[in-house]
């Protein structure tokens, strides 16, 4: 099976998805580009096709409104897009962090390429950190990711990682993730995105205040079951109504009941914070996936990310 992650690099402990090349701290962006598999460019050429007629040689024709994007190193095709598609290069994603790491105290922690170059990302630690009851530590990160196949806008997302289990969770306030999204129909302006992010990153304290409220909110057994049913419920078009993945339900319940990483910490045991982390651990570590690479993509950009957002929304309703 082809891997979704083509290459990746990391600093510090091996990431939860067990992928990548280990680097010493404080490496240059050139080293990151080499080791994370991001030292190439996206090139483009108009779509061309061969006409065919019976008994005659065909002609090579150009479809000028559509472009083939391909890798400069392997020449492998990446996607077909309109000629208005604004490409963001892999190196631009790393360069986004240059002043943040050199001036603002950020530290690159992981970077890599998904699906042979169709998606790529970098993740940096911001230096923000909060401890909930029982030394349940949560650290702040900034994730920048993009695609060249139209499946993901260039997206900068303030993110948290719970240290005890490496669960990831996008920072969300007022019911919406604090992500800055730049569609590929417009040019990516790194400086403008950083100005917008200044507001989002400053909301760390507000977000963690809400997480502390979750850690204070004691949960009864019937509330826990209702929470998991709402989060994991899939609305079906059939008259029967709601369908629940029984395996997933049993697993998140088990994680919450003490089998999850950090489930016995004071902040999580019997609380809404524990409910939320049972779901995030399930998505990041336990949910069925074709491989760890596919689980990573889902947890950050796909159905897993949506499931974690639904878990967050339901948890915050318990302290509203």
Protein backbone atom coordinates (compact mmCIF):
# COMPACT_ATOMS: atom_id res chain seq x y z
CA UNK A 1 0.00 0.00 0.00
CA UNK A 2 1.32 3.43 -0.88
CA UNK A 3 1.93 5.63 2.12
CA UNK A 4 -0.04 8.83 2.51
CA UNK A 5 2.95 10.40 4.24
CA UNK A 6 5.81 10.59 1.77
CA UNK A 7 8.28 12.24 4.11
CA UNK A 8 8.35 13.98 7.47
CA UNK A 9 10.79 15.34 10.05
CA UNK A 10 10.39 16.03 13.76
CA UNK A 11 12.24 17.38 16.79
CA UNK A 12 11.99 15.87 20.27
CA UNK A 13 9.88 12.86 21.11
CA UNK A 14 8.59 10.63 18.33
CA UNK A 15 5.15 11.96 17.32
CA UNK A 16 2.02 10.01 18.20
CA UNK A 17 1.73 8.76 14.61
CA UNK A 18 5.25 7.21 14.83
CA UNK A 19 6.36 8.72 11.52
CA UNK A 20 9.31 10.81 10.39
CA UNK A 21 13.05 11.57 10.57
CA UNK A 22 14.39 12.75 13.95
CA UNK A 23 16.24 16.08 13.97
CA UNK A 24 18.25 17.88 16.67
CA UNK A 25 16.69 21.15 17.92
CA UNK A 26 17.29 24.55 16.29
CA UNK A 27 17.85 23.33 12.72
CA UNK A 28 17.88 25.70 9.76
CA UNK A 29 14.95 25.83 7.35
CA UNK A 30 17.23 24.29 4.71
CA UNK A 31 17.69 21.22 6.89
CA UNK A 32 13.96 21.07 7.57
CA UNK A 33 13.24 21.26 3.83
CA UNK A 34 15.61 18.38 3.11
CA UNK A 35 14.58 16.10 5.96
CA UNK A 36 10.84 16.80 5.73
CA UNK A 37 10.76 16.09 1.99
CA UNK A 38 9.81 19.69 1.13
CA UNK A 39 12.86 20.68 -0.94
CA UNK A 40 11.08 20.83 -4.31
CA UNK A 41 8.75 23.15 -6.20
CA UNK A 42 5.31 22.83 -7.76
CA UNK A 43 5.54 23.52 -11.49
CA UNK A 44 2.70 23.88 -13.97
CA UNK A 45 1.99 23.33 -17.63
CA UNK A 46 -1.21 23.66 -19.71
CA UNK A 47 -3.27 20.50 -20.18
CA UNK A 48 -2.55 18.90 -23.54
CA UNK A 49 -4.41 16.10 -25.28
CA UNK A 50 -4.10 14.02 -28.43
CA UNK A 51 -6.88 14.05 -31.00
CA UNK A 52 -7.51 10.75 -32.75
CA UNK A 53 -9.16 10.11 -36.12
CA UNK A 54 -9.58 6.82 -37.93
CA UNK A 55 -6.68 6.23 -40.29
CA UNK A 56 -4.94 9.49 -39.46
CA UNK A 57 -2.40 10.73 -37.00
CA UNK A 58 -3.80 12.78 -34.16
CA UNK A 59 -2.74 16.28 -33.25
CA UNK A 60 -1.54 17.58 -29.90
CA UNK A 61 -3.99 20.20 -28.68
CA UNK A 62 -3.79 22.55 -25.69
CA UNK A 63 -6.56 23.22 -23.20
CA UNK A 64 -5.23 26.55 -21.97
CA UNK A 65 -7.75 27.10 -19.15
CA UNK A 66 -6.58 24.03 -17.24
CA UNK A 67 -3.11 23.40 -15.79
CA UNK A 68 -1.30 20.25 -14.71
CA UNK A 69 0.65 20.77 -11.49
CA UNK A 70 3.69 18.52 -11.08
CA UNK A 71 6.77 18.12 -8.90
CA UNK A 72 10.04 19.70 -9.99
CA UNK A 73 12.10 16.78 -8.67
CA UNK A 74 10.24 13.65 -9.78
CA UNK A 75 8.05 15.25 -12.49
CA UNK A 76 5.15 13.30 -10.93
CA UNK A 77 1.71 14.82 -11.56
CA UNK A 78 -0.07 16.29 -8.55
CA UNK A 79 -3.40 17.62 -9.85
CA UNK A 80 -5.27 19.38 -12.64
CA UNK A 81 -6.49 22.87 -11.70
CA UNK A 82 -7.78 25.99 -13.40
CA UNK A 83 -5.31 28.60 -14.61
CA UNK A 84 -6.57 30.85 -11.78
CA UNK A 85 -5.37 28.46 -9.08
CA UNK A 86 -2.84 30.17 -6.76
CA UNK A 87 -0.09 27.74 -5.81
CA UNK A 88 1.59 27.80 -2.40
CA UNK A 89 5.03 26.18 -2.51
CA UNK A 90 6.30 23.72 0.13
CA UNK A 91 9.14 26.09 0.99
CA UNK A 92 6.64 28.91 1.60
CA UNK A 93 5.06 26.87 4.39
CA UNK A 94 8.44 26.59 6.15
CA UNK A 95 9.36 30.23 5.45
CA UNK A 96 6.14 31.27 7.17
CA UNK A 97 7.81 30.32 10.46
CA UNK A 98 11.17 32.05 9.89
CA UNK A 99 10.51 35.22 11.89
CA UNK A 100 8.31 33.34 14.36
CA UNK A 101 11.20 31.02 15.24
CA UNK A 102 13.97 33.63 15.04
CA UNK A 103 12.18 36.46 16.89
CA UNK A 104 9.01 35.25 18.62
CA UNK A 105 10.28 32.13 20.36
CA UNK A 106 8.40 29.55 18.29
CA UNK A 107 10.06 26.16 17.65
CA UNK A 108 9.36 23.99 14.63
CA UNK A 109 8.43 20.52 15.85
CA UNK A 110 7.16 18.62 12.79
CA UNK A 111 6.85 19.19 9.06
CA UNK A 112 6.10 16.91 6.17
CA UNK A 113 4.40 15.90 2.96
CA UNK A 114 1.20 13.91 2.52
CA UNK A 115 -0.07 12.02 -0.52
CA UNK A 116 3.10 12.37 -2.62
CA UNK A 117 3.07 16.15 -2.31
CA UNK A 118 -0.62 16.94 -2.67
CA UNK A 119 -0.69 18.21 0.94
CA UNK A 120 2.11 19.53 3.15
CA UNK A 121 2.33 21.14 6.55
CA UNK A 122 4.53 22.41 9.38
CA UNK A 123 3.74 22.53 13.10
CA UNK A 124 5.51 24.81 15.60
CA UNK A 125 5.34 25.08 19.38
CA UNK A 126 4.31 28.60 20.43
CA UNK A 127 5.69 28.54 23.97
CA UNK A 128 2.21 28.79 25.50
CA UNK A 129 1.51 26.18 28.18
CA UNK A 130 -1.12 25.64 30.88
CA UNK A 131 -1.48 22.97 33.56
CA UNK A 132 -4.92 21.79 34.64
CA UNK A 133 -5.54 20.03 37.96
CA UNK A 134 -3.22 17.10 38.60
CA UNK A 135 -0.47 18.51 36.34
CA UNK A 136 -2.47 17.80 33.19
CA UNK A 137 -0.37 19.96 30.85
CA UNK A 138 -1.55 21.43 27.57
CA UNK A 139 0.82 23.15 25.12
CA UNK A 140 0.05 25.61 22.35
CA UNK A 141 1.03 25.04 18.71
CA UNK A 142 0.50 26.64 15.32
CA UNK A 143 -0.24 24.40 12.34
CA UNK A 144 0.11 25.70 8.77
CA UNK A 145 -1.05 23.36 6.02
CA UNK A 146 -2.02 23.58 2.37
CA UNK A 147 -2.74 21.47 -0.68
CA UNK A 148 -2.18 21.67 -4.41
CA UNK A 149 -5.19 19.57 -5.40
CA UNK A 150 -7.99 21.79 -4.15
CA UNK A 151 -8.81 19.63 -1.13
CA UNK A 152 -7.51 22.10 1.47
CA UNK A 153 -7.22 25.88 1.54
CA UNK A 154 -3.99 27.24 2.96
CA UNK A 155 -4.94 27.07 6.64
CA UNK A 156 -3.20 28.38 9.76
CA UNK A 157 -4.71 26.76 12.85
CA UNK A 158 -3.85 27.44 16.51
CA UNK A 159 -3.76 23.96 18.02
CA UNK A 160 -3.26 22.38 21.43
CA UNK A 161 -1.52 19.15 22.34
CA UNK A 162 -2.23 17.44 25.66
CA UNK A 163 1.19 16.27 26.83
CA UNK A 164 0.18 13.10 28.66
CA UNK A 165 -1.36 11.53 25.56
CA UNK A 166 -0.38 13.76 22.59
CA UNK A 167 -4.05 14.34 21.75
CA UNK A 168 -4.46 17.23 19.33
CA UNK A 169 -7.29 19.76 19.43
CA UNK A 170 -7.84 22.92 17.41
CA UNK A 171 -8.40 26.04 19.48
CA UNK A 172 -12.05 27.07 19.17
CA UNK A 173 -13.99 29.92 20.70
CA UNK A 174 -17.64 30.84 20.29
CA UNK A 175 -18.33 27.55 18.57
CA UNK A 176 -15.85 27.96 15.70
CA UNK A 177 -12.19 26.96 15.18
CA UNK A 178 -9.84 29.96 15.21
CA UNK A 179 -8.35 29.01 11.85
CA UNK A 180 -7.28 31.48 9.18
CA UNK A 181 -8.11 30.11 5.71
CA UNK A 182 -6.80 31.48 2.41
CA UNK A 183 -8.58 29.95 -0.62
CA UNK A 184 -6.43 29.06 -3.62
CA UNK A 185 -8.30 31.56 -5.75
CA UNK A 186 -6.43 34.31 -3.90
CA UNK A 187 -2.73 34.85 -3.31
CA UNK A 188 -1.30 33.69 0.04
CA UNK A 189 -0.08 36.73 1.99
CA UNK A 190 1.95 35.39 4.93
CA UNK A 191 2.19 38.78 6.66
CA UNK A 192 -1.57 39.34 6.53
CA UNK A 193 -2.21 35.85 7.92
CA UNK A 194 0.19 36.49 10.80
CA UNK A 195 -1.61 39.73 11.64
CA UNK A 196 -4.90 37.85 11.79
CA UNK A 197 -3.31 35.08 13.82
CA UNK A 198 -2.09 37.60 16.38
CA UNK A 199 -5.68 37.86 17.54
CA UNK A 200 -6.27 34.11 17.46
CA UNK A 201 -3.09 33.20 19.33
CA UNK A 202 -3.85 35.83 21.96
CA UNK A 203 -7.06 33.95 22.66
CA UNK A 204 -5.09 31.11 24.25
CA UNK A 205 -6.04 32.28 27.75
CA UNK A 206 -9.73 32.41 26.87
CA UNK A 207 -9.61 28.95 25.37
CA UNK A 208 -7.79 27.43 28.33
CA UNK A 209 -10.22 29.12 30.70
CA UNK A 210 -12.98 27.14 28.98
CA UNK A 211 -10.92 23.94 29.24
CA UNK A 212 -10.55 24.57 32.98
CA UNK A 213 -14.34 24.90 33.20
CA UNK A 214 -14.61 21.49 31.52
CA UNK A 215 -12.17 20.08 34.11
CA UNK A 216 -14.36 21.47 36.91
CA UNK A 217 -17.61 20.10 35.43
CA UNK A 218 -18.39 16.76 37.08
CA UNK A 219 -20.27 14.32 34.86
CA UNK A 220 -22.81 11.67 35.84
CA UNK A 221 -22.83 8.31 34.10
CA UNK A 222 -26.00 8.99 32.10
CA UNK A 223 -24.56 12.36 30.99
CA UNK A 224 -21.43 10.63 29.73
CA UNK A 225 -23.45 8.16 27.67
CA UNK A 226 -25.66 10.91 26.24
CA UNK A 227 -22.54 12.90 25.33
CA UNK A 228 -20.91 10.01 23.46
CA UNK A 229 -24.16 9.19 21.67
CA UNK A 230 -24.51 12.77 20.45
CA UNK A 231 -20.87 13.00 19.33
CA UNK A 232 -20.69 9.63 17.60
CA UNK A 233 -24.23 9.59 16.22
CA UNK A 234 -24.47 9.54 12.43
CA UNK A 235 -27.66 10.91 10.92
CA UNK A 236 -28.93 8.40 8.39
CA UNK A 237 -31.48 9.07 5.67
CA UNK A 238 -33.45 5.99 6.63
CA UNK A 239 -36.63 6.22 8.76
CA UNK A 240 -34.83 4.53 11.63
CA UNK A 241 -33.00 7.82 12.23
CA UNK A 242 -29.72 7.80 14.17
CA UNK A 243 -27.06 5.16 13.74
CA UNK A 244 -24.21 4.77 16.21
CA UNK A 245 -20.95 2.95 15.61
CA UNK A 246 -21.10 0.48 18.49
CA UNK A 247 -17.39 -0.31 18.43
CA UNK A 248 -16.51 3.39 18.62
CA UNK A 249 -19.01 3.94 21.42
CA UNK A 250 -17.57 1.10 23.50
CA UNK A 251 -14.02 2.32 22.88
CA UNK A 252 -14.55 5.95 23.90
CA UNK A 253 -16.47 4.81 26.97
CA UNK A 254 -13.55 2.57 27.91
CA UNK A 255 -11.04 5.38 27.39
CA UNK A 256 -13.14 7.68 29.57
CA UNK A 257 -13.61 5.03 32.28
CA UNK A 258 -9.90 4.87 33.01
CA UNK A 259 -8.22 3.06 30.12
CA UNK A 260 -7.23 6.22 28.25
CA UNK A 261 -3.89 8.00 28.67
CA UNK A 262 -4.32 10.52 31.47
CA UNK A 263 -7.89 9.39 32.18
CA UNK A 264 -7.06 9.01 35.88
CA UNK A 265 -5.67 12.53 36.25
CA UNK A 266 -7.73 14.80 38.48
CA UNK A 267 -8.71 17.13 35.67
CA UNK A 268 -10.08 14.30 33.51
CA UNK A 269 -11.55 11.69 35.87
CA UNK A 270 -15.32 11.98 35.84
CA UNK A 271 -15.32 15.39 34.12
CA UNK A 272 -16.33 16.98 30.83
CA UNK A 273 -12.62 17.46 30.07
CA UNK A 274 -12.26 13.69 30.35
CA UNK A 275 -15.16 13.18 27.93
CA UNK A 276 -13.56 15.46 25.35
CA UNK A 277 -10.18 13.75 25.66
CA UNK A 278 -11.70 10.30 25.31
CA UNK A 279 -12.92 11.35 21.87
CA UNK A 280 -9.68 13.10 20.83
CA UNK A 281 -7.64 10.06 21.92
CA UNK A 282 -9.98 7.79 19.98
CA UNK A 283 -9.57 9.90 16.83
CA UNK A 284 -5.79 10.35 17.12
CA UNK A 285 -4.83 6.86 18.30
CA UNK A 286 -7.62 4.29 18.15
CA UNK A 287 -9.99 5.01 15.27
CA UNK A 288 -9.81 2.51 12.46
CA UNK A 289 -7.66 3.68 9.57
CA UNK A 290 -5.88 2.11 6.62
CA UNK A 291 -2.59 3.21 8.18
CA UNK A 292 -1.11 5.73 10.61
CA UNK A 293 -0.64 8.08 7.67
CA UNK A 294 -4.34 8.07 6.86
CA UNK A 295 -5.18 8.51 10.55
CA UNK A 296 -2.96 11.61 10.68
CA UNK A 297 -4.62 13.17 7.67
CA UNK A 298 -8.09 12.47 9.04
CA UNK A 299 -7.27 13.74 12.53
CA UNK A 300 -5.94 17.06 11.21
CA UNK A 301 -7.88 17.71 8.01
CA UNK A 302 -10.69 15.19 7.53
CA UNK A 303 -13.49 13.32 9.26
CA UNK A 304 -11.47 12.92 12.44
CA UNK A 305 -11.03 16.69 12.74
CA UNK A 306 -14.78 17.14 12.27
CA UNK A 307 -15.48 14.54 14.95
CA UNK A 308 -13.18 16.33 17.41
CA UNK A 309 -14.91 19.64 16.68
CA UNK A 310 -18.29 18.03 17.37
CA UNK A 311 -16.91 16.68 20.65
CA UNK A 312 -15.70 20.15 21.58
CA UNK A 313 -19.08 21.74 20.76
CA UNK A 314 -20.95 19.19 22.87
CA UNK A 315 -18.55 19.54 25.79
CA UNK A 316 -18.82 23.33 25.83
CA UNK A 317 -22.59 23.06 25.91
CA UNK A 318 -22.22 21.31 29.25
CA UNK A 319 -20.62 24.41 30.79
CA UNK A 320 -22.60 27.05 28.90
